[in-house]
């Protein structure tokens, strides 16, 4: 019996490889950025997750992704990023925000002596946020945002999408987790301060990276960076606001 013959071909062998999820993630994060809070370039390595590098600013302690996404994900519309399996969860989120608005209305009355009748929300939203009785009483308007506008906001600190609502001189502007989406939140604050009357009050909601719950849950931080660009603390956020003449009037802890 003759030995088996090996098939031959004139074409060279070809090998094809599919990138892993970690490689895909690493390739999508290719914008090296300075600290969102103080703009220093002194990052200290924290950890990696699936190809994404997380750092803490050695100057102010802000935690952020570096390099950042080339195409940031628009997470402001809760409807798109969080599918509610239970309608009760959605109702609870809307009710929590309604309580926040009631608190803000009382603070505005106490600080200015005037009722709150014009408010604008920039950032994380459900459409139901504007339909509650308190929201209607204070005239809350939500600046909804599309993917292209979100990308310009995150990368270039462009808030042109919100200018039509800001032109109505709102008494309160709520930055609902907005600054954590931006590479340069100070630039956004500067534009807002220059565009609005001096009497405008700013409300900033954020995830406090220095809080006890955040420290205890640090192992889960990385999942939140699928959307947010940074986590700030009370100290570095207050410093950013102060650079643009904004002084802390009151603070509270939200659920």
Foldseek 3Di string as FASTA:
>chain_A
DDDDDDDDDPDDDDDDDDDDQLVVVLVQQDAFAAAQQPRHNAWDWDDDDSNWTWTAHPPAGWIFTGSGGPQADDCQEVVPVPDDPDVVVVVVVLVLLLVVLVVVQVVCCVPPVDGQQFEEEEGHDYPSNCVDPSNNRNVYDYQDDDRVCLRCCAEVVDPPSCVVSVQVQGQEYEHEQVSQSHSHSLVNLLVSCVSHDPNRHYHYDFDACPDPVNVVVVVPVVVVNSHTGIHHHPVSVQVSCVVNVDDDDDDDDGD
